[in-house]
């Protein structure tokens, strides 16, 4: 699913024009980006939690030369799914008010 799919679903489910749905989705993502940039935790009940965690420095290898490369410390964004999403992953059924497709693609948890 890409951002355009989210915009189309918001427009379909709410009945608002796609331009308004796009503005709403863009505003949501912009607010989330700003909060994560400040290191804030984003908790969406029934969905999950986004947190910024420190990443340790380490040593990696250049795959071509095998040379060791220093990896600096930094921050990474982690997502912890909420109970309803975990229930779906375990094969349990979701509540009636939750609409999730079975062909959802899985993305990497880190950004």
Protein backbone atom coordinates (compact mmCIF):
# COMPACT_ATOMS: atom_id res chain seq x y z
CA UNK A 1 0.00 0.00 0.00
CA UNK A 2 1.30 3.42 -0.91
CA UNK A 3 0.26 6.91 0.15
CA UNK A 4 -2.10 7.24 -2.82
CA UNK A 5 -3.94 4.08 -1.71
CA UNK A 6 -4.37 5.57 1.76
CA UNK A 7 -5.71 8.82 0.28
CA UNK A 8 -8.17 6.91 -1.90
CA UNK A 9 -9.40 4.83 1.05
CA UNK A 10 -9.87 7.91 3.23
CA UNK A 11 -11.85 9.56 0.44
CA UNK A 12 -13.98 6.44 -0.12
CA UNK A 13 -14.68 5.74 3.57
CA UNK A 14 -15.45 9.36 4.54
CA UNK A 15 -17.06 10.63 1.37
CA UNK A 16 -14.81 13.71 1.26
CA UNK A 17 -13.23 14.81 -2.03
CA UNK A 18 -9.82 13.31 -2.80
CA UNK A 19 -8.13 16.72 -2.55
CA UNK A 20 -9.39 17.12 1.04
CA UNK A 21 -8.42 13.53 1.85
CA UNK A 22 -4.94 14.18 0.44
CA UNK A 23 -4.60 17.32 2.59
CA UNK A 24 -5.67 15.37 5.68
CA UNK A 25 -3.25 12.50 5.02
CA UNK A 26 -0.39 14.90 4.25
CA UNK A 27 -1.10 16.84 7.46
CA UNK A 28 -1.13 13.62 9.48
CA UNK A 29 2.18 12.40 8.04
CA UNK A 30 3.75 15.84 8.44
CA UNK A 31 2.73 15.96 12.11
CA UNK A 32 4.08 12.45 12.67
CA UNK A 33 7.41 13.34 11.02
CA UNK A 34 7.76 16.45 13.15
CA UNK A 35 7.00 14.55 16.36
CA UNK A 36 9.47 11.77 15.53
CA UNK A 37 12.11 14.35 14.62
CA UNK A 38 11.70 15.82 18.11
CA UNK A 39 12.09 12.31 19.55
CA UNK A 40 8.48 12.08 20.70
CA UNK A 41 6.56 8.82 21.03
CA UNK A 42 3.45 8.42 18.84
CA UNK A 43 0.80 6.12 20.29
CA UNK A 44 -2.20 5.17 18.17
CA UNK A 45 -4.56 3.06 20.29
CA UNK A 46 -5.56 -0.15 18.57
CA UNK A 47 -2.85 0.29 15.95
CA UNK A 48 0.56 0.60 17.56
CA UNK A 49 3.34 2.82 18.84
CA UNK A 50 6.16 4.58 16.99
CA UNK A 51 9.24 5.31 19.12
CA UNK A 52 12.65 6.82 18.43
CA UNK A 53 15.42 4.67 19.88
CA UNK A 54 19.16 5.21 19.99
CA UNK A 55 21.25 3.04 17.73
CA UNK A 56 24.69 1.93 18.91
CA UNK A 57 27.73 2.58 16.83
CA UNK A 58 29.30 -0.46 15.30
CA UNK A 59 31.53 -1.90 12.66
CA UNK A 60 30.33 -3.01 9.25
CA UNK A 61 32.08 -4.34 6.19
CA UNK A 62 32.27 -3.07 2.66
CA UNK A 63 30.81 -5.99 0.66
CA UNK A 64 33.13 -5.38 -2.30
CA UNK A 65 36.45 -5.04 -0.51
CA UNK A 66 35.76 -6.64 2.86
CA UNK A 67 37.21 -3.53 4.47
CA UNK A 68 35.84 -2.64 7.93
CA UNK A 69 33.76 0.53 8.02
CA UNK A 70 32.78 2.44 11.17
CA UNK A 71 29.02 2.86 11.55
CA UNK A 72 28.23 5.94 13.66
CA UNK A 73 25.69 5.92 16.47
CA UNK A 74 22.38 7.49 15.67
CA UNK A 75 18.66 7.12 16.08
CA UNK A 76 16.17 4.76 14.48
CA UNK A 77 12.40 4.61 14.40
CA UNK A 78 10.74 1.45 15.71
CA UNK A 79 7.12 0.38 15.41
CA UNK A 80 5.48 -1.86 17.98
CA UNK A 81 2.09 -3.16 16.80
CA UNK A 82 -0.92 -2.86 19.08
CA UNK A 83 -2.94 -5.79 20.38
CA UNK A 84 -5.43 -5.72 17.51
CA UNK A 85 -2.68 -5.94 14.87
CA UNK A 86 -0.88 -8.65 16.82
CA UNK A 87 -4.12 -10.63 17.02
CA UNK A 88 -4.44 -10.40 13.22
CA UNK A 89 -0.85 -11.64 12.76
CA UNK A 90 -1.57 -14.64 15.02
CA UNK A 91 -4.56 -15.69 12.93
CA UNK A 92 -7.14 -14.40 15.39
CA UNK A 93 -10.09 -12.39 14.13
CA UNK A 94 -10.27 -8.63 14.42
CA UNK A 95 -13.20 -6.74 15.93
CA UNK A 96 -16.05 -5.99 13.49
CA UNK A 97 -15.18 -2.29 13.28
CA UNK A 98 -11.65 -2.97 11.95
CA UNK A 99 -11.25 -3.38 8.18
CA UNK A 100 -7.98 -5.04 7.13
CA UNK A 101 -7.19 -6.72 3.82
CA UNK A 102 -5.58 -10.15 3.78
CA UNK A 103 -3.07 -9.25 1.05
CA UNK A 104 -1.19 -6.65 3.07
CA UNK A 105 2.48 -6.37 2.11
CA UNK A 106 4.97 -6.42 4.98
CA UNK A 107 7.54 -3.63 5.17
CA UNK A 108 10.72 -3.42 7.22
CA UNK A 109 10.10 -2.02 10.73
CA UNK A 110 13.12 0.28 10.59
CA UNK A 111 13.44 3.52 8.64
